[in-house]
Amino acid sequence: MEAITFSPAQVHVFNLVSHIKSEAGLERLREQLAAFYAKQVDDELDQLWENGQFDEKRMKELRGSHFRTPYNK
């Protein structure tokens, strides 16, 4: 069996979440993680916009698009 090696970030998160003892605490963590990743996306889109790699024309082209993976039944 292969040993799993965790990164320092993973170990840190494991230690932090070990202190969550309630559903309310878990929900607050979920909200914080969602906000963290939303900010990451916003920052990256801002950078693409400033670099000219993403603009209003491209945004209109993507509006209404669906990029989900099709699953075969």
PDB file of N, CA and C in Angstrom:
ATOM      1  N   MET A   1       0.830  -1.170   0.000  1.00  0.00           N
ATOM      2  CA  MET A   1       0.000   0.000   0.000  1.00  0.00           C
ATOM      3  C   MET A   1       0.883   1.244   0.000  1.00  0.00           C
ATOM      4  N   GLU A   2       0.529   2.210  -0.819  1.00  0.00           N
ATOM      5  CA  GLU A   2       1.320   3.430  -0.954  1.00  0.00           C
ATOM      6  C   GLU A   2       0.952   4.433   0.139  1.00  0.00           C
ATOM      7  N   ALA A   3       1.942   5.034   0.751  1.00  0.00           N
ATOM      8  CA  ALA A   3       1.706   6.030   1.802  1.00  0.00           C
ATOM      9  C   ALA A   3       1.254   7.342   1.175  1.00  0.00           C
ATOM     10  N   ILE A   4       0.349   8.020   1.849  1.00  0.00           N
ATOM     11  CA  ILE A   4      -0.136   9.319   1.387  1.00  0.00           C
ATOM     12  C   ILE A   4       0.683  10.396   2.083  1.00  0.00           C
ATOM     13  N   THR A   5       1.200  11.321   1.304  1.00  0.00           N
ATOM     14  CA  THR A   5       1.961  12.438   1.849  1.00  0.00           C
ATOM     15  C   THR A   5       1.136  13.702   1.692  1.00  0.00           C
ATOM     16  N   PHE A   6       0.900  14.396   2.794  1.00  0.00           N
ATOM     17  CA  PHE A   6       0.126  15.628   2.750  1.00  0.00           C
ATOM     18  C   PHE A   6       1.055  16.826   2.677  1.00  0.00           C
ATOM     19  N   SER A   7       0.603  17.846   1.958  1.00  0.00           N
ATOM     20  CA  SER A   7       1.373  19.087   1.876  1.00  0.00           C
ATOM     21  C   SER A   7       1.222  19.848   3.190  1.00  0.00           C
ATOM     22  N   PRO A   8       2.105  20.788   3.448  1.00  0.00           N
ATOM     23  CA  PRO A   8       1.969  21.598   4.665  1.00  0.00           C
ATOM     24  C   PRO A   8       0.612  22.318   4.740  1.00  0.00           C
ATOM     25  N   ALA A   9       0.101  22.757   3.616  1.00  0.00           N
ATOM     26  CA  ALA A   9      -1.200  23.429   3.603  1.00  0.00           C
ATOM     27  C   ALA A   9      -2.315  22.472   4.017  1.00  0.00           C
ATOM     28  N   GLN A  10      -2.253  21.229   3.533  1.00  0.00           N
ATOM     29  CA  GLN A  10      -3.265  20.246   3.899  1.00  0.00           C
ATOM     30  C   GLN A  10      -3.220  19.931   5.389  1.00  0.00           C
ATOM     31  N   VAL A  11      -2.024  19.787   5.925  1.00  0.00           N
ATOM     32  CA  VAL A  11      -1.878  19.505   7.348  1.00  0.00           C
ATOM     33  C   VAL A  11      -2.439  20.671   8.164  1.00  0.00           C
ATOM     34  N   HIS A  12      -2.157  21.879   7.739  1.00  0.00           N
ATOM     35  CA  HIS A  12      -2.661  23.060   8.436  1.00  0.00           C
ATOM     36  C   HIS A  12      -4.187  23.074   8.436  1.00  0.00           C
ATOM     37  N   VAL A  13      -4.802  22.800   7.289  1.00  0.00           N
ATOM     38  CA  VAL A  13      -6.262  22.780   7.200  1.00  0.00           C
ATOM     39  C   VAL A  13      -6.835  21.670   8.073  1.00  0.00           C
ATOM     40  N   PHE A  14      -6.240  20.507   8.056  1.00  0.00           N
ATOM     41  CA  PHE A  14      -6.696  19.403   8.910  1.00  0.00           C
ATOM     42  C   PHE A  14      -6.687  19.823  10.384  1.00  0.00           C
ATOM     43  N   ASN A  15      -5.608  20.485  10.796  1.00  0.00           N
ATOM     44  CA  ASN A  15      -5.513  20.929  12.185  1.00  0.00           C
ATOM     45  C   ASN A  15      -6.587  21.964  12.508  1.00  0.00           C
ATOM     46  N   LEU A  16      -6.847  22.861  11.591  1.00  0.00           N
ATOM     47  CA  LEU A  16      -7.869  23.883  11.830  1.00  0.00           C
ATOM     48  C   LEU A  16      -9.270  23.282  11.918  1.00  0.00           C
ATOM     49  N   VAL A  17      -9.605  22.410  10.985  1.00  0.00           N
ATOM     50  CA  VAL A  17     -10.970  21.878  10.962  1.00  0.00           C
ATOM     51  C   VAL A  17     -11.220  20.895  12.100  1.00  0.00           C
ATOM     52  N   SER A  18     -10.179  20.424  12.733  1.00  0.00           N
ATOM     53  CA  SER A  18     -10.381  19.514  13.868  1.00  0.00           C
ATOM     54  C   SER A  18     -11.048  20.229  15.037  1.00  0.00           C
ATOM     55  N   HIS A  19     -11.027  21.552  15.026  1.00  0.00           N
ATOM     56  CA  HIS A  19     -11.632  22.337  16.099  1.00  0.00           C
ATOM     57  C   HIS A  19     -13.104  22.654  15.844  1.00  0.00           C
ATOM     58  N   ILE A  20     -13.627  22.333  14.667  1.00  0.00           N
ATOM     59  CA  ILE A  20     -15.027  22.594  14.355  1.00  0.00           C
ATOM     60  C   ILE A  20     -15.865  21.502  15.015  1.00  0.00           C
ATOM     61  N   LYS A  21     -16.775  21.927  15.874  1.00  0.00           N
ATOM     62  CA  LYS A  21     -17.552  20.966  16.658  1.00  0.00           C
ATOM     63  C   LYS A  21     -19.054  21.030  16.375  1.00  0.00           C
ATOM     64  N   SER A  22     -19.495  21.949  15.502  1.00  0.00           N
ATOM     65  CA  SER A  22     -20.930  22.091  15.275  1.00  0.00           C
ATOM     66  C   SER A  22     -21.228  22.266  13.788  1.00  0.00           C
ATOM     67  N   GLU A  23     -22.490  22.038  13.449  1.00  0.00           N
ATOM     68  CA  GLU A  23     -22.930  22.256  12.066  1.00  0.00           C
ATOM     69  C   GLU A  23     -22.792  23.724  11.687  1.00  0.00           C
ATOM     70  N   ALA A  24     -23.062  24.615  12.650  1.00  0.00           N
ATOM     71  CA  ALA A  24     -22.943  26.056  12.379  1.00  0.00           C
ATOM     72  C   ALA A  24     -21.492  26.414  12.053  1.00  0.00           C
ATOM     73  N   GLY A  25     -20.562  25.833  12.775  1.00  0.00           N
ATOM     74  CA  GLY A  25     -19.155  26.076  12.487  1.00  0.00           C
ATOM     75  C   GLY A  25     -18.756  25.562  11.120  1.00  0.00           C
ATOM     76  N   LEU A  26     -19.266  24.396  10.777  1.00  0.00           N
ATOM     77  CA  LEU A  26     -18.987  23.834   9.462  1.00  0.00           C
ATOM     78  C   LEU A  26     -19.564  24.719   8.363  1.00  0.00           C
ATOM     79  N   GLU A  27     -20.762  25.241   8.570  1.00  0.00           N
ATOM     80  CA  GLU A  27     -21.384  26.118   7.578  1.00  0.00           C
ATOM     81  C   GLU A  27     -20.586  27.407   7.412  1.00  0.00           C
ATOM     82  N   ARG A  28     -20.093  27.952   8.507  1.00  0.00           N
ATOM     83  CA  ARG A  28     -19.266  29.164   8.412  1.00  0.00           C
ATOM     84  C   ARG A  28     -17.982  28.885   7.629  1.00  0.00           C
ATOM     85  N   LEU A  29     -17.393  27.712   7.840  1.00  0.00           N
ATOM     86  CA  LEU A  29     -16.198  27.342   7.089  1.00  0.00           C
ATOM     87  C   LEU A  29     -16.514  27.239   5.604  1.00  0.00           C
ATOM     88  N   ARG A  30     -17.619  26.608   5.272  1.00  0.00           N
ATOM     89  CA  ARG A  30     -18.017  26.496   3.861  1.00  0.00           C
ATOM     90  C   ARG A  30     -18.183  27.863   3.226  1.00  0.00           C
ATOM     91  N   GLU A  31     -18.821  28.786   3.956  1.00  0.00           N
ATOM     92  CA  GLU A  31     -19.021  30.138   3.430  1.00  0.00           C
ATOM     93  C   GLU A  31     -17.692  30.844   3.200  1.00  0.00           C
ATOM     94  N   GLN A  32     -16.774  30.678   4.143  1.00  0.00           N
ATOM     95  CA  GLN A  32     -15.460  31.301   4.012  1.00  0.00           C
ATOM     96  C   GLN A  32     -14.673  30.725   2.837  1.00  0.00           C
ATOM     97  N   LEU A  33     -14.743  29.420   2.666  1.00  0.00           N
ATOM     98  CA  LEU A  33     -14.052  28.792   1.534  1.00  0.00           C
ATOM     99  C   LEU A  33     -14.652  29.247   0.210  1.00  0.00           C
ATOM    100  N   ALA A  34     -15.978  29.340   0.152  1.00  0.00           N
ATOM    101  CA  ALA A  34     -16.629  29.811  -1.071  1.00  0.00           C
ATOM    102  C   ALA A  34     -16.208  31.245  -1.381  1.00  0.00           C
ATOM    103  N   ALA A  35     -16.156  32.091  -0.363  1.00  0.00           N
ATOM    104  CA  ALA A  35     -15.738  33.482  -0.552  1.00  0.00           C
ATOM    105  C   ALA A  35     -14.278  33.550  -1.014  1.00  0.00           C
ATOM    106  N   PHE A  36     -13.433  32.692  -0.448  1.00  0.00           N
ATOM    107  CA  PHE A  36     -12.018  32.650  -0.829  1.00  0.00           C
ATOM    108  C   PHE A  36     -11.864  32.318  -2.311  1.00  0.00           C
ATOM    109  N   TYR A  37     -12.557  31.266  -2.764  1.00  0.00           N
ATOM    110  CA  TYR A  37     -12.431  30.864  -4.158  1.00  0.00           C
ATOM    111  C   TYR A  37     -13.113  31.844  -5.102  1.00  0.00           C
ATOM    112  N   ALA A  38     -14.194  32.474  -4.670  1.00  0.00           N
ATOM    113  CA  ALA A  38     -14.837  33.496  -5.495  1.00  0.00           C
ATOM    114  C   ALA A  38     -13.884  34.673  -5.707  1.00  0.00           C
ATOM    115  N   LYS A  39     -13.163  35.062  -4.669  1.00  0.00           N
ATOM    116  CA  LYS A  39     -12.202  36.146  -4.809  1.00  0.00           C
ATOM    117  C   LYS A  39     -11.063  35.748  -5.740  1.00  0.00           C
ATOM    118  N   GLN A  40     -10.628  34.507  -5.662  1.00  0.00           N
ATOM    119  CA  GLN A  40      -9.569  34.026  -6.564  1.00  0.00           C
ATOM    120  C   GLN A  40     -10.008  34.170  -8.024  1.00  0.00           C
ATOM    121  N   VAL A  41     -11.247  33.769  -8.298  1.00  0.00           N
ATOM    122  CA  VAL A  41     -11.775  33.849  -9.662  1.00  0.00           C
ATOM    123  C   VAL A  41     -11.893  35.306 -10.091  1.00  0.00           C
ATOM    124  N   ASP A  42     -12.423  36.157  -9.219  1.00  0.00           N
ATOM    125  CA  ASP A  42     -12.543  37.582  -9.541  1.00  0.00           C
ATOM    126  C   ASP A  42     -11.187  38.199  -9.853  1.00  0.00           C
ATOM    127  N   ASP A  43     -10.196  37.887  -9.029  1.00  0.00           N
ATOM    128  CA  ASP A  43      -8.855  38.436  -9.242  1.00  0.00           C
ATOM    129  C   ASP A  43      -8.273  37.977 -10.580  1.00  0.00           C
ATOM    130  N   GLU A  44      -8.477  36.710 -10.906  1.00  0.00           N
ATOM    131  CA  GLU A  44      -7.944  36.200 -12.170  1.00  0.00           C
ATOM    132  C   GLU A  44      -8.660  36.819 -13.368  1.00  0.00           C
ATOM    133  N   LEU A  45      -9.982  36.964 -13.262  1.00  0.00           N
ATOM    134  CA  LEU A  45     -10.719  37.615 -14.348  1.00  0.00           C
ATOM    135  C   LEU A  45     -10.303  39.069 -14.504  1.00  0.00           C
ATOM    136  N   ASP A  46     -10.081  39.771 -13.395  1.00  0.00           N
ATOM    137  CA  ASP A  46      -9.601  41.150 -13.471  1.00  0.00           C
ATOM    138  C   ASP A  46      -8.275  41.227 -14.203  1.00  0.00           C
ATOM    139  N   GLN A  47      -7.396  40.285 -13.898  1.00  0.00           N
ATOM    140  CA  GLN A  47      -6.083  40.264 -14.548  1.00  0.00           C
ATOM    141  C   GLN A  47      -6.229  39.992 -16.050  1.00  0.00           C
ATOM    142  N   LEU A  48      -7.085  39.035 -16.420  1.00  0.00           N
ATOM    143  CA  LEU A  48      -7.308  38.749 -17.835  1.00  0.00           C
ATOM    144  C   LEU A  48      -7.890  39.960 -18.547  1.00  0.00           C
ATOM    145  N   TRP A  49      -8.794  40.680 -17.876  1.00  0.00           N
ATOM    146  CA  TRP A  49      -9.416  41.867 -18.459  1.00  0.00           C
ATOM    147  C   TRP A  49      -8.363  42.961 -18.684  1.00  0.00           C
ATOM    148  N   GLU A  50      -7.514  43.167 -17.683  1.00  0.00           N
ATOM    149  CA  GLU A  50      -6.468  44.182 -17.800  1.00  0.00           C
ATOM    150  C   GLU A  50      -5.456  43.839 -18.887  1.00  0.00           C
ATOM    151  N   ASN A  51      -5.176  42.553 -19.090  1.00  0.00           N
ATOM    152  CA  ASN A  51      -4.220  42.115 -20.110  1.00  0.00           C
ATOM    153  C   ASN A  51      -4.835  42.064 -21.499  1.00  0.00           C
ATOM    154  N   GLY A  52      -6.155  42.260 -21.593  1.00  0.00           N
ATOM    155  CA  GLY A  52      -6.820  42.227 -22.896  1.00  0.00           C
ATOM    156  C   GLY A  52      -7.160  40.825 -23.369  1.00  0.00           C
ATOM    157  N   GLN A  53      -6.980  39.815 -22.511  1.00  0.00           N
ATOM    158  CA  GLN A  53      -7.290  38.447 -22.911  1.00  0.00           C
ATOM    159  C   GLN A  53      -8.774  38.134 -22.749  1.00  0.00           C
ATOM    160  N   PHE A  54      -9.480  38.988 -22.020  1.00  0.00           N
ATOM    161  CA  PHE A  54     -10.910  38.819 -21.811  1.00  0.00           C
ATOM    162  C   PHE A  54     -11.536  40.200 -21.894  1.00  0.00           C
ATOM    163  N   ASP A  55     -12.592  40.320 -22.687  1.00  0.00           N
ATOM    164  CA  ASP A  55     -13.232  41.614 -22.835  1.00  0.00           C
ATOM    165  C   ASP A  55     -14.747  41.443 -22.959  1.00  0.00           C
ATOM    166  N   GLU A  56     -15.439  42.551 -23.147  1.00  0.00           N
ATOM    167  CA  GLU A  56     -16.896  42.499 -23.195  1.00  0.00           C
ATOM    168  C   GLU A  56     -17.399  41.656 -24.366  1.00  0.00           C
ATOM    169  N   LYS A  57     -16.697  41.699 -25.507  1.00  0.00           N
ATOM    170  CA  LYS A  57     -17.098  40.889 -26.660  1.00  0.00           C
ATOM    171  C   LYS A  57     -17.045  39.401 -26.317  1.00  0.00           C
ATOM    172  N   ARG A  58     -15.953  38.970 -25.711  1.00  0.00           N
ATOM    173  CA  ARG A  58     -15.798  37.559 -25.336  1.00  0.00           C
ATOM    174  C   ARG A  58     -16.818  37.167 -24.267  1.00  0.00           C
ATOM    175  N   MET A  59     -17.098  38.097 -23.350  1.00  0.00           N
ATOM    176  CA  MET A  59     -18.073  37.824 -22.305  1.00  0.00           C
ATOM    177  C   MET A  59     -19.460  37.593 -22.920  1.00  0.00           C
ATOM    178  N   LYS A  60     -19.816  38.391 -23.924  1.00  0.00           N
ATOM    179  CA  LYS A  60     -21.109  38.216 -24.591  1.00  0.00           C
ATOM    180  C   LYS A  60     -21.160  36.894 -25.353  1.00  0.00           C
ATOM    181  N   GLU A  61     -20.025  36.491 -25.942  1.00  0.00           N
ATOM    182  CA  GLU A  61     -19.964  35.211 -26.656  1.00  0.00           C
ATOM    183  C   GLU A  61     -20.215  34.037 -25.702  1.00  0.00           C
ATOM    184  N   LEU A  62     -19.720  34.149 -24.489  1.00  0.00           N
ATOM    185  CA  LEU A  62     -19.844  33.060 -23.514  1.00  0.00           C
ATOM    186  C   LEU A  62     -21.189  33.056 -22.783  1.00  0.00           C
ATOM    187  N   ARG A  63     -21.904  34.155 -22.836  1.00  0.00           N
ATOM    188  CA  ARG A  63     -23.179  34.244 -22.111  1.00  0.00           C
ATOM    189  C   ARG A  63     -24.128  33.147 -22.584  1.00  0.00           C
ATOM    190  N   GLY A  64     -24.674  32.417 -21.669  1.00  0.00           N
ATOM    191  CA  GLY A  64     -25.627  31.358 -21.994  1.00  0.00           C
ATOM    192  C   GLY A  64     -24.984  30.040 -22.393  1.00  0.00           C
ATOM    193  N   SER A  65     -23.654  29.987 -22.385  1.00  0.00           N
ATOM    194  CA  SER A  65     -22.965  28.745 -22.750  1.00  0.00           C
ATOM    195  C   SER A  65     -23.038  27.745 -21.609  1.00  0.00           C
ATOM    196  N   HIS A  66     -22.994  26.477 -21.970  1.00  0.00           N
ATOM    197  CA  HIS A  66     -22.995  25.401 -20.986  1.00  0.00           C
ATOM    198  C   HIS A  66     -21.790  24.509 -21.272  1.00  0.00           C
ATOM    199  N   PHE A  67     -20.934  24.358 -20.275  1.00  0.00           N
ATOM    200  CA  PHE A  67     -19.700  23.606 -20.465  1.00  0.00           C
ATOM    201  C   PHE A  67     -19.636  22.366 -19.578  1.00  0.00           C
ATOM    202  N   ARG A  68     -20.741  21.895 -19.158  1.00  0.00           N
ATOM    203  CA  ARG A  68     -20.756  20.698 -18.316  1.00  0.00           C
ATOM    204  C   ARG A  68     -20.374  19.464 -19.128  1.00  0.00           C
ATOM    205  N   THR A  69     -19.803  18.522 -18.435  1.00  0.00           N
ATOM    206  CA  THR A  69     -19.406  17.273 -19.058  1.00  0.00           C
ATOM    207  C   THR A  69     -20.653  16.448 -19.357  1.00  0.00           C
ATOM    208  N   PRO A  70     -20.836  16.027 -20.617  1.00  0.00           N
ATOM    209  CA  PRO A  70     -21.996  15.170 -20.908  1.00  0.00           C
ATOM    210  C   PRO A  70     -21.741  13.757 -20.374  1.00  0.00           C
ATOM    211  N   TYR A  71     -22.715  13.235 -19.706  1.00  0.00           N
ATOM    212  CA  TYR A  71     -22.584  11.896 -19.154  1.00  0.00           C
ATOM    213  C   TYR A  71     -23.447  10.932 -19.963  1.00  0.00           C
ATOM    214  N   ASN A  72     -22.878   9.807 -20.310  1.00  0.00           N
ATOM    215  CA  ASN A  72     -23.611   8.788 -21.035  1.00  0.00           C
ATOM    216  C   ASN A  72     -24.324   7.885 -20.051  1.00  0.00           C
ATOM    217  N   LYS A  73     -25.579   7.615 -20.330  1.00  0.00           N
ATOM    218  CA  LYS A  73     -26.348   6.744 -19.440  1.00  0.00           C
ATOM    219  C   LYS A  73     -26.408   5.344 -19.968  1.00  0.00           C
TER     220      LYS A  73
END
